[in-house]
N, C-alpha and C. Protein backbone atom coordinates (compact mmCIF):
# COMPACT_ATOMS: atom_id res chain seq x y z
N UNK A 1 -3.55 4.32 10.37
CA UNK A 1 -5.03 4.33 10.48
C UNK A 1 -5.31 3.15 11.28
N UNK A 2 -6.31 3.37 12.14
CA UNK A 2 -6.79 2.33 13.03
C UNK A 2 -8.01 1.65 12.50
N UNK A 3 -8.08 0.32 12.67
CA UNK A 3 -9.31 -0.39 12.18
C UNK A 3 -10.56 0.28 12.67
N UNK A 4 -11.46 0.43 11.67
CA UNK A 4 -12.71 1.05 12.00
C UNK A 4 -12.73 2.59 12.18
N UNK A 5 -11.61 3.16 12.03
CA UNK A 5 -11.45 4.65 12.19
C UNK A 5 -11.77 5.27 10.91
N UNK A 6 -12.08 6.63 10.95
CA UNK A 6 -12.28 7.38 9.71
C UNK A 6 -10.95 8.06 9.41
N UNK A 7 -10.62 8.14 8.09
CA UNK A 7 -9.36 8.80 7.77
C UNK A 7 -9.46 10.26 8.02
N UNK A 8 -8.30 10.75 8.48
CA UNK A 8 -8.19 12.24 8.77
C UNK A 8 -7.20 12.76 7.76
N UNK A 9 -7.63 13.77 6.97
CA UNK A 9 -6.69 14.26 5.94
C UNK A 9 -5.79 15.29 6.60
N UNK A 10 -4.69 15.58 5.82
CA UNK A 10 -3.78 16.55 6.25
C UNK A 10 -4.27 17.97 5.98
N UNK A 11 -3.49 18.97 6.26
CA UNK A 11 -3.85 20.38 6.09
C UNK A 11 -4.42 20.58 4.74
N UNK A 12 -5.76 20.73 4.68
CA UNK A 12 -6.43 21.11 3.45
C UNK A 12 -6.61 20.02 2.37
N UNK A 13 -6.13 18.81 2.77
CA UNK A 13 -6.19 17.71 1.80
C UNK A 13 -7.44 16.90 2.06
N UNK A 14 -8.30 16.99 1.08
CA UNK A 14 -9.56 16.24 1.18
C UNK A 14 -9.26 14.80 0.59
N UNK A 15 -9.83 13.84 1.17
CA UNK A 15 -9.67 12.46 0.58
C UNK A 15 -10.42 12.39 -0.73
N UNK A 16 -9.84 11.61 -1.59
CA UNK A 16 -10.52 11.43 -2.92
C UNK A 16 -10.75 9.99 -3.08
N UNK A 17 -12.01 9.64 -3.65
CA UNK A 17 -12.36 8.24 -3.83
C UNK A 17 -12.46 7.93 -5.32
N UNK A 18 -12.23 6.73 -5.64
CA UNK A 18 -12.34 6.25 -7.04
C UNK A 18 -13.18 5.05 -7.13
N UNK A 19 -14.23 5.06 -7.90
CA UNK A 19 -14.99 3.83 -8.14
C UNK A 19 -14.38 2.90 -9.13
N UNK A 20 -14.61 1.70 -9.04
CA UNK A 20 -14.05 0.67 -10.04
C UNK A 20 -15.21 -0.12 -10.50
N UNK A 21 -14.98 -0.67 -11.75
CA UNK A 21 -16.07 -1.42 -12.40
C UNK A 21 -16.61 -2.60 -11.54
N UNK A 22 -15.81 -3.29 -10.88
CA UNK A 22 -16.32 -4.45 -10.11
C UNK A 22 -16.70 -4.07 -8.63
N UNK A 23 -16.88 -2.78 -8.42
CA UNK A 23 -17.33 -2.42 -7.10
C UNK A 23 -16.29 -2.25 -6.12
N UNK A 24 -15.11 -1.76 -6.59
CA UNK A 24 -13.97 -1.52 -5.75
C UNK A 24 -13.77 0.00 -5.59
N UNK A 25 -13.87 0.56 -4.41
CA UNK A 25 -13.67 1.91 -4.20
C UNK A 25 -12.40 2.19 -3.33
N UNK A 26 -11.51 3.02 -3.89
CA UNK A 26 -10.16 3.20 -3.26
C UNK A 26 -10.06 4.65 -2.86
N UNK A 27 -9.92 4.84 -1.63
CA UNK A 27 -9.82 6.29 -1.08
C UNK A 27 -8.35 6.50 -0.67
N UNK A 28 -7.80 7.60 -1.12
CA UNK A 28 -6.37 7.90 -0.79
C UNK A 28 -6.34 9.19 0.07
N UNK A 29 -5.70 9.10 1.18
CA UNK A 29 -5.72 10.20 2.22
C UNK A 29 -4.26 10.56 2.42
N UNK A 30 -3.98 11.88 2.12
CA UNK A 30 -2.58 12.46 2.34
C UNK A 30 -2.52 13.01 3.75
N UNK A 31 -1.89 12.34 4.60
CA UNK A 31 -1.60 12.89 5.93
C UNK A 31 -0.32 13.65 5.95
N UNK A 32 0.67 13.22 5.15
CA UNK A 32 1.90 13.87 5.00
C UNK A 32 2.04 14.41 3.55
N UNK A 33 2.06 15.65 3.37
CA UNK A 33 2.09 16.22 2.02
C UNK A 33 3.45 15.97 1.30
N UNK A 34 4.39 15.54 2.01
CA UNK A 34 5.63 15.17 1.40
C UNK A 34 5.50 14.18 0.35
N UNK A 35 4.47 13.34 0.40
CA UNK A 35 4.17 12.33 -0.57
C UNK A 35 3.99 13.00 -1.95
N UNK A 36 3.41 14.20 -1.99
CA UNK A 36 3.18 14.83 -3.25
C UNK A 36 4.42 15.33 -3.87
N UNK A 37 5.51 15.59 -3.04
CA UNK A 37 6.83 15.96 -3.62
C UNK A 37 7.54 14.69 -4.12
N UNK A 38 7.50 13.61 -3.35
CA UNK A 38 8.18 12.40 -3.71
C UNK A 38 7.53 11.76 -4.96
N UNK A 39 6.25 11.66 -4.95
CA UNK A 39 5.54 11.04 -6.05
C UNK A 39 4.31 11.91 -6.44
N UNK A 40 4.48 12.83 -7.37
CA UNK A 40 3.37 13.68 -7.79
C UNK A 40 2.11 12.98 -8.18
N UNK A 41 2.32 11.75 -8.71
CA UNK A 41 1.07 10.95 -9.10
C UNK A 41 0.67 9.92 -8.05
N UNK A 42 1.04 10.16 -6.74
CA UNK A 42 0.87 9.16 -5.79
C UNK A 42 -0.60 8.63 -5.64
N UNK A 43 -1.53 9.51 -5.73
CA UNK A 43 -2.91 9.18 -5.56
C UNK A 43 -3.33 8.17 -6.63
N UNK A 44 -3.04 8.55 -7.88
CA UNK A 44 -3.44 7.70 -9.01
C UNK A 44 -2.69 6.34 -8.93
N UNK A 45 -1.41 6.40 -8.65
CA UNK A 45 -0.58 5.15 -8.57
C UNK A 45 -1.13 4.23 -7.47
N UNK A 46 -1.41 4.86 -6.31
CA UNK A 46 -2.00 4.01 -5.23
C UNK A 46 -3.20 3.28 -5.62
N UNK A 47 -4.07 3.95 -6.33
CA UNK A 47 -5.34 3.30 -6.76
C UNK A 47 -5.06 2.24 -7.77
N UNK A 48 -4.16 2.52 -8.68
CA UNK A 48 -3.85 1.55 -9.83
C UNK A 48 -3.22 0.30 -9.16
N UNK A 49 -2.35 0.47 -8.18
CA UNK A 49 -1.62 -0.60 -7.64
C UNK A 49 -2.51 -1.51 -6.81
N UNK A 50 -3.44 -0.89 -6.03
CA UNK A 50 -4.37 -1.71 -5.25
C UNK A 50 -5.31 -2.46 -6.20
N UNK A 51 -5.74 -1.79 -7.23
CA UNK A 51 -6.67 -2.40 -8.24
C UNK A 51 -5.90 -3.59 -8.90
N UNK A 52 -4.69 -3.38 -9.27
CA UNK A 52 -3.89 -4.39 -9.89
C UNK A 52 -3.74 -5.67 -8.98
N UNK A 53 -3.49 -5.38 -7.74
CA UNK A 53 -3.35 -6.47 -6.78
C UNK A 53 -4.62 -7.28 -6.59
N UNK A 54 -5.77 -6.63 -6.65
CA UNK A 54 -7.02 -7.20 -6.32
C UNK A 54 -7.66 -7.79 -7.55
N UNK A 55 -7.21 -7.36 -8.79
CA UNK A 55 -7.84 -7.82 -9.98
C UNK A 55 -7.81 -9.39 -10.06
N UNK A 56 -8.93 -9.97 -10.47
CA UNK A 56 -9.04 -11.34 -10.53
C UNK A 56 -9.37 -12.09 -9.32
N UNK A 57 -9.40 -11.40 -8.17
CA UNK A 57 -9.74 -12.00 -6.87
C UNK A 57 -11.18 -12.09 -6.55
N UNK A 58 -11.94 -11.31 -7.27
CA UNK A 58 -13.35 -11.16 -7.01
C UNK A 58 -13.64 -10.22 -5.87
N UNK A 59 -12.61 -9.66 -5.23
CA UNK A 59 -12.81 -8.70 -4.10
C UNK A 59 -13.37 -7.46 -4.59
N UNK A 60 -14.41 -7.01 -3.80
CA UNK A 60 -15.04 -5.77 -4.06
C UNK A 60 -15.26 -5.06 -2.75
N UNK A 61 -15.59 -3.79 -2.77
CA UNK A 61 -15.83 -3.04 -1.52
C UNK A 61 -14.94 -1.83 -1.53
N UNK A 62 -14.66 -1.40 -0.32
CA UNK A 62 -13.81 -0.19 -0.30
C UNK A 62 -12.50 -0.45 0.51
N UNK A 63 -11.58 0.31 0.25
CA UNK A 63 -10.33 0.30 1.07
C UNK A 63 -9.71 1.75 1.10
N UNK A 64 -8.95 2.05 2.10
CA UNK A 64 -8.36 3.28 2.25
C UNK A 64 -6.85 3.20 2.29
N UNK A 65 -6.17 4.02 1.64
CA UNK A 65 -4.71 4.14 1.57
C UNK A 65 -4.35 5.39 2.34
N UNK A 66 -3.65 5.33 3.43
CA UNK A 66 -3.19 6.45 4.16
C UNK A 66 -1.72 6.71 3.84
N UNK A 67 -1.37 7.85 3.33
CA UNK A 67 0.01 8.21 3.05
C UNK A 67 0.41 9.17 4.15
N UNK A 68 1.15 8.52 5.00
CA UNK A 68 1.57 9.21 6.21
C UNK A 68 3.06 9.40 6.32
N UNK A 69 3.55 9.87 7.46
CA UNK A 69 4.96 10.03 7.74
C UNK A 69 5.42 8.92 8.74
N UNK A 70 6.66 8.91 8.93
CA UNK A 70 7.34 7.91 9.73
C UNK A 70 6.78 7.94 11.17
N UNK A 71 6.57 8.99 11.70
CA UNK A 71 6.05 9.19 13.07
C UNK A 71 4.72 8.45 13.25
N UNK A 72 3.77 8.65 12.28
CA UNK A 72 2.50 7.99 12.38
C UNK A 72 2.65 6.55 12.22
N UNK A 73 3.39 6.04 11.34
CA UNK A 73 3.59 4.61 11.25
C UNK A 73 4.29 3.94 12.40
N UNK A 74 5.16 4.71 13.08
CA UNK A 74 5.78 4.28 14.29
C UNK A 74 4.71 4.11 15.35
N UNK A 75 3.86 5.04 15.42
CA UNK A 75 2.76 5.00 16.45
C UNK A 75 1.82 3.81 16.18
N UNK A 76 1.42 3.67 14.93
CA UNK A 76 0.53 2.54 14.59
C UNK A 76 1.24 1.16 14.81
N UNK A 77 2.49 1.06 14.42
CA UNK A 77 3.26 -0.10 14.58
C UNK A 77 3.36 -0.51 16.03
N UNK A 78 3.60 0.53 16.93
CA UNK A 78 3.68 0.23 18.33
C UNK A 78 2.35 -0.19 18.90
N UNK A 79 1.24 0.52 18.51
CA UNK A 79 -0.08 0.19 18.99
C UNK A 79 -0.55 -1.21 18.57
N UNK A 80 -0.29 -1.59 17.35
CA UNK A 80 -0.98 -2.75 16.78
C UNK A 80 -0.06 -3.89 16.72
N UNK A 81 1.22 -3.71 16.76
CA UNK A 81 2.19 -4.89 16.63
C UNK A 81 3.27 -4.86 17.75
N UNK A 82 3.19 -3.91 18.62
CA UNK A 82 4.11 -3.87 19.69
C UNK A 82 5.59 -3.54 19.31
N UNK A 83 5.76 -2.89 18.19
CA UNK A 83 7.10 -2.66 17.57
C UNK A 83 7.27 -1.14 17.61
N UNK A 84 8.28 -0.65 18.32
CA UNK A 84 8.50 0.80 18.50
C UNK A 84 9.41 1.31 17.48
N UNK A 85 9.02 1.21 16.23
CA UNK A 85 9.74 1.90 15.04
C UNK A 85 8.87 1.94 13.91
N UNK A 86 9.10 2.89 12.96
CA UNK A 86 8.20 2.99 11.77
C UNK A 86 8.53 1.76 10.88
N UNK A 87 7.57 1.45 10.05
CA UNK A 87 7.70 0.44 9.06
C UNK A 87 7.15 0.90 7.77
N UNK A 88 7.52 0.24 6.64
CA UNK A 88 7.11 0.80 5.34
C UNK A 88 5.62 0.76 5.11
N UNK A 89 4.90 -0.37 5.50
CA UNK A 89 3.48 -0.49 5.16
C UNK A 89 2.88 -1.31 6.31
N UNK A 90 1.63 -0.84 6.66
CA UNK A 90 0.80 -1.65 7.56
C UNK A 90 -0.56 -1.89 6.91
N UNK A 91 -1.10 -3.06 7.16
CA UNK A 91 -2.51 -3.31 6.68
C UNK A 91 -3.40 -3.63 7.83
N UNK A 92 -4.57 -3.12 7.78
CA UNK A 92 -5.64 -3.39 8.75
C UNK A 92 -6.89 -3.89 8.09
N UNK A 93 -7.06 -5.25 8.03
CA UNK A 93 -8.29 -5.86 7.41
C UNK A 93 -9.58 -5.22 8.06
N UNK A 94 -10.51 -5.02 7.23
CA UNK A 94 -11.75 -4.48 7.65
C UNK A 94 -12.79 -5.53 7.79
N UNK A 95 -14.06 -5.02 7.91
CA UNK A 95 -15.24 -5.91 8.01
C UNK A 95 -15.83 -6.13 6.69
N UNK A 96 -15.19 -7.19 6.01
CA UNK A 96 -15.64 -7.41 4.61
C UNK A 96 -17.14 -7.62 4.49
N UNK A 97 -17.73 -8.14 5.52
CA UNK A 97 -19.22 -8.34 5.47
C UNK A 97 -19.87 -6.99 5.36
N UNK A 98 -19.27 -5.88 5.77
CA UNK A 98 -19.87 -4.50 5.72
C UNK A 98 -19.33 -3.87 4.45
N UNK A 99 -18.49 -4.61 3.64
CA UNK A 99 -18.03 -4.02 2.31
C UNK A 99 -16.72 -3.18 2.46
N UNK A 100 -16.13 -3.15 3.60
CA UNK A 100 -14.86 -2.45 3.79
C UNK A 100 -13.69 -3.50 3.88
N UNK A 101 -12.92 -3.53 2.88
CA UNK A 101 -11.78 -4.50 2.78
C UNK A 101 -10.77 -4.16 3.89
N UNK A 102 -10.57 -2.84 4.14
CA UNK A 102 -9.66 -2.44 5.20
C UNK A 102 -8.74 -1.19 4.82
N UNK A 103 -7.81 -1.03 5.64
CA UNK A 103 -6.91 0.18 5.49
C UNK A 103 -5.53 -0.23 5.31
N UNK A 104 -4.80 0.57 4.53
CA UNK A 104 -3.30 0.43 4.21
C UNK A 104 -2.67 1.75 4.63
N UNK A 105 -1.61 1.68 5.40
CA UNK A 105 -0.84 2.92 5.72
C UNK A 105 0.56 2.82 5.34
N UNK A 106 1.19 3.87 4.74
CA UNK A 106 2.52 3.83 4.30
C UNK A 106 3.30 4.98 4.90
N UNK A 107 4.63 4.76 5.17
CA UNK A 107 5.50 5.78 5.83
C UNK A 107 6.36 6.39 4.72
N UNK A 108 6.33 7.64 4.60
CA UNK A 108 7.07 8.40 3.60
C UNK A 108 8.60 8.16 3.63
N UNK A 109 9.13 8.43 4.78
CA UNK A 109 10.60 8.30 4.99
C UNK A 109 11.10 6.89 4.77
N UNK A 110 10.37 5.94 5.34
CA UNK A 110 10.85 4.50 5.25
C UNK A 110 10.79 4.12 3.73
N UNK A 111 9.71 4.44 3.06
CA UNK A 111 9.54 4.07 1.62
C UNK A 111 10.69 4.81 0.88
N UNK A 112 11.00 5.99 1.04
CA UNK A 112 11.98 6.72 0.27
C UNK A 112 13.34 6.11 0.50
N UNK A 113 13.70 5.84 1.80
CA UNK A 113 15.03 5.23 2.15
C UNK A 113 15.17 3.86 1.60
N UNK A 114 14.16 3.06 1.62
CA UNK A 114 14.22 1.69 1.06
C UNK A 114 14.39 1.64 -0.43
N UNK A 115 13.67 2.54 -1.11
CA UNK A 115 13.89 2.63 -2.61
C UNK A 115 15.23 2.98 -2.94
N UNK A 116 15.73 4.06 -2.21
CA UNK A 116 17.14 4.50 -2.45
C UNK A 116 18.14 3.47 -2.22
N UNK A 117 18.04 2.76 -1.11
CA UNK A 117 19.02 1.72 -0.70
C UNK A 117 19.00 0.50 -1.64
N UNK A 118 17.85 0.22 -2.27
CA UNK A 118 17.70 -0.89 -3.14
C UNK A 118 17.86 -0.45 -4.62
N UNK A 119 18.13 0.83 -4.92
CA UNK A 119 18.33 1.25 -6.23
C UNK A 119 17.04 1.20 -7.10
N UNK A 120 15.89 1.31 -6.42
CA UNK A 120 14.64 1.28 -7.14
C UNK A 120 14.04 2.59 -7.26
N UNK A 121 13.21 2.82 -8.31
CA UNK A 121 12.55 4.02 -8.48
C UNK A 121 11.45 4.09 -7.30
N UNK A 122 11.30 5.24 -6.66
CA UNK A 122 10.34 5.34 -5.65
C UNK A 122 8.89 4.96 -6.03
N UNK A 123 8.55 5.22 -7.29
CA UNK A 123 7.22 4.98 -7.77
C UNK A 123 6.99 3.41 -7.77
N UNK A 124 8.01 2.63 -8.26
CA UNK A 124 7.90 1.22 -8.32
C UNK A 124 7.86 0.63 -6.94
N UNK A 125 8.65 1.13 -6.04
CA UNK A 125 8.68 0.58 -4.71
C UNK A 125 7.33 0.90 -3.92
N UNK A 126 6.82 2.07 -4.17
CA UNK A 126 5.57 2.49 -3.58
C UNK A 126 4.46 1.56 -4.14
N UNK A 127 4.36 1.36 -5.42
CA UNK A 127 3.30 0.58 -6.00
C UNK A 127 3.37 -0.91 -5.51
N UNK A 128 4.57 -1.42 -5.34
CA UNK A 128 4.74 -2.73 -4.82
C UNK A 128 4.18 -2.71 -3.38
N UNK A 129 4.51 -1.79 -2.58
CA UNK A 129 4.02 -1.83 -1.11
C UNK A 129 2.51 -1.61 -1.02
N UNK A 130 1.93 -0.85 -1.93
CA UNK A 130 0.39 -0.79 -1.97
C UNK A 130 -0.13 -2.08 -2.30
N UNK A 131 0.37 -2.72 -3.27
CA UNK A 131 -0.11 -4.03 -3.70
C UNK A 131 0.08 -5.06 -2.60
N UNK A 132 1.26 -5.02 -1.98
CA UNK A 132 1.55 -5.87 -0.87
C UNK A 132 0.44 -5.69 0.25
N UNK A 133 0.21 -4.50 0.62
CA UNK A 133 -0.83 -4.22 1.66
C UNK A 133 -2.23 -4.61 1.23
N UNK A 134 -2.59 -4.46 -0.08
CA UNK A 134 -3.90 -4.86 -0.54
C UNK A 134 -4.04 -6.37 -0.41
N UNK A 135 -2.98 -7.11 -0.74
CA UNK A 135 -3.03 -8.55 -0.68
C UNK A 135 -3.16 -9.01 0.74
N UNK A 136 -2.53 -8.27 1.68
CA UNK A 136 -2.71 -8.61 3.11
C UNK A 136 -4.14 -8.48 3.51
N UNK A 137 -4.86 -7.50 3.02
CA UNK A 137 -6.30 -7.39 3.32
C UNK A 137 -7.16 -8.58 2.95
N UNK A 138 -6.67 -9.32 1.97
CA UNK A 138 -7.38 -10.52 1.42
C UNK A 138 -6.96 -11.71 2.19
N UNK A 139 -6.03 -11.53 3.14
CA UNK A 139 -5.57 -12.67 3.93
C UNK A 139 -4.26 -13.29 3.54
N UNK A 140 -3.59 -12.73 2.48
CA UNK A 140 -2.26 -13.24 2.13
C UNK A 140 -1.28 -12.97 3.18
N UNK A 141 -0.35 -13.74 3.38
CA UNK A 141 0.74 -13.57 4.38
C UNK A 141 2.00 -14.10 3.85
N UNK A 142 3.11 -13.84 4.62
CA UNK A 142 4.40 -14.29 4.22
C UNK A 142 5.19 -14.87 5.33
N UNK A 143 4.50 -15.47 6.26
CA UNK A 143 5.15 -16.00 7.44
C UNK A 143 5.76 -17.32 7.19
N UNK A 144 5.05 -18.19 6.43
CA UNK A 144 5.69 -19.50 6.00
C UNK A 144 6.16 -19.42 4.60
N UNK A 145 7.14 -20.33 4.20
CA UNK A 145 7.70 -20.21 2.92
C UNK A 145 6.71 -20.37 1.79
N UNK A 146 5.70 -21.28 1.86
CA UNK A 146 4.77 -21.45 0.85
C UNK A 146 3.83 -20.27 0.68
N UNK A 147 3.41 -19.74 1.80
CA UNK A 147 2.64 -18.46 1.73
C UNK A 147 3.42 -17.39 1.16
N UNK A 148 4.67 -17.24 1.48
CA UNK A 148 5.51 -16.15 0.98
C UNK A 148 5.64 -16.21 -0.54
N UNK A 149 5.84 -17.46 -1.05
CA UNK A 149 5.97 -17.66 -2.44
C UNK A 149 4.64 -17.26 -3.17
N UNK A 150 3.55 -17.68 -2.64
CA UNK A 150 2.26 -17.32 -3.29
C UNK A 150 2.05 -15.81 -3.28
N UNK A 151 2.41 -15.18 -2.13
CA UNK A 151 2.24 -13.73 -2.08
C UNK A 151 3.23 -12.94 -3.02
N UNK A 152 4.41 -13.47 -3.11
CA UNK A 152 5.43 -12.84 -4.02
C UNK A 152 4.91 -13.00 -5.47
N UNK A 153 4.38 -14.06 -5.85
CA UNK A 153 3.83 -14.36 -7.21
C UNK A 153 2.68 -13.31 -7.47
N UNK A 154 1.81 -13.17 -6.55
CA UNK A 154 0.67 -12.20 -6.78
C UNK A 154 1.17 -10.81 -6.80
N UNK A 155 2.22 -10.45 -6.05
CA UNK A 155 2.80 -9.07 -6.13
C UNK A 155 3.44 -8.91 -7.49
N UNK A 156 4.16 -9.89 -7.95
CA UNK A 156 4.81 -9.78 -9.31
C UNK A 156 3.71 -9.71 -10.38
N UNK A 157 2.64 -10.39 -10.31
CA UNK A 157 1.53 -10.22 -11.29
C UNK A 157 1.00 -8.79 -11.25
N UNK A 158 0.80 -8.29 -10.08
CA UNK A 158 0.29 -6.89 -9.99
C UNK A 158 1.29 -5.92 -10.63
N UNK A 159 2.51 -6.15 -10.44
CA UNK A 159 3.51 -5.16 -10.97
C UNK A 159 3.52 -5.36 -12.52
N UNK A 160 3.38 -6.57 -12.98
CA UNK A 160 3.39 -6.80 -14.48
C UNK A 160 2.16 -6.01 -15.05
N UNK A 161 0.96 -6.11 -14.37
CA UNK A 161 -0.18 -5.36 -14.72
C UNK A 161 0.07 -3.84 -14.89
N UNK A 162 0.88 -3.35 -14.01
CA UNK A 162 1.29 -1.96 -14.02
C UNK A 162 2.40 -1.59 -14.89
N UNK A 163 2.98 -2.65 -15.54
CA UNK A 163 4.16 -2.42 -16.34
C UNK A 163 5.35 -1.95 -15.59
N UNK A 164 5.51 -2.46 -14.34
CA UNK A 164 6.58 -2.08 -13.44
C UNK A 164 7.40 -3.31 -13.21
N UNK A 165 8.71 -3.06 -12.79
CA UNK A 165 9.63 -4.24 -12.53
C UNK A 165 9.15 -5.13 -11.44
N UNK A 166 9.41 -6.41 -11.67
CA UNK A 166 9.15 -7.42 -10.64
C UNK A 166 9.98 -7.05 -9.43
N UNK A 167 9.38 -6.85 -8.24
CA UNK A 167 10.15 -6.44 -7.09
C UNK A 167 11.03 -7.58 -6.50
N UNK A 168 10.79 -8.71 -6.94
CA UNK A 168 11.54 -9.85 -6.41
C UNK A 168 12.79 -10.23 -7.27
N UNK A 169 13.00 -9.51 -8.39
CA UNK A 169 14.09 -9.70 -9.21
C UNK A 169 15.18 -8.60 -8.91
N UNK A 170 16.46 -8.92 -8.88
CA UNK A 170 17.46 -7.94 -8.54
C UNK A 170 17.49 -6.79 -9.57
N UNK A 171 17.73 -5.58 -9.11
CA UNK A 171 17.78 -4.42 -9.98
C UNK A 171 19.15 -4.49 -10.76
N UNK A 172 19.01 -4.37 -12.08
CA UNK A 172 20.23 -4.39 -12.79
C UNK A 172 20.83 -2.99 -12.87
N UNK A 173 22.22 -3.03 -12.74
CA UNK A 173 22.96 -1.77 -12.65
C UNK A 173 22.98 -1.11 -14.10
N UNK A 174 22.86 0.18 -14.05
CA UNK A 174 22.95 0.90 -15.35
C UNK A 174 24.29 0.83 -15.86
N UNK A 175 24.38 0.67 -17.18
CA UNK A 175 25.74 0.58 -17.89
C UNK A 175 26.42 1.90 -18.06
């Protein structure tokens, strides 16, 4: 999704919005319906993950989560970062003065492959990436070591709120 653009739904998929008590509205747009097969509860989990990441920050307004395919994230990554490959998640901060925190876009294939390679449940990896993207909308970053540690702690708090594993701890092998 491009900054300032309107979300475009996939075939017959209408975007759905959820209001939150502190004035947080999260819209989830399915551009790639494969998300529904990978994570039947993707819409609810995306909202919960963004809400968990933003809880306690005082952030209010709206944000959009675009659930797209690798091709779309490759296009967006190329246009906005000059990188000609898909990535797991992109964040586009919005005009907070206008009440729009921004947009988050995720790539189905990349998320699926990363979860499998790391031995993580797709739902846990997905929730982590949505929280990661939401924190970027508030200005969090991970370029410097101190910033990265602060962002990782915020992500771990969000996952704890969701009762999901800390994404920064190694996955224990099943016995």
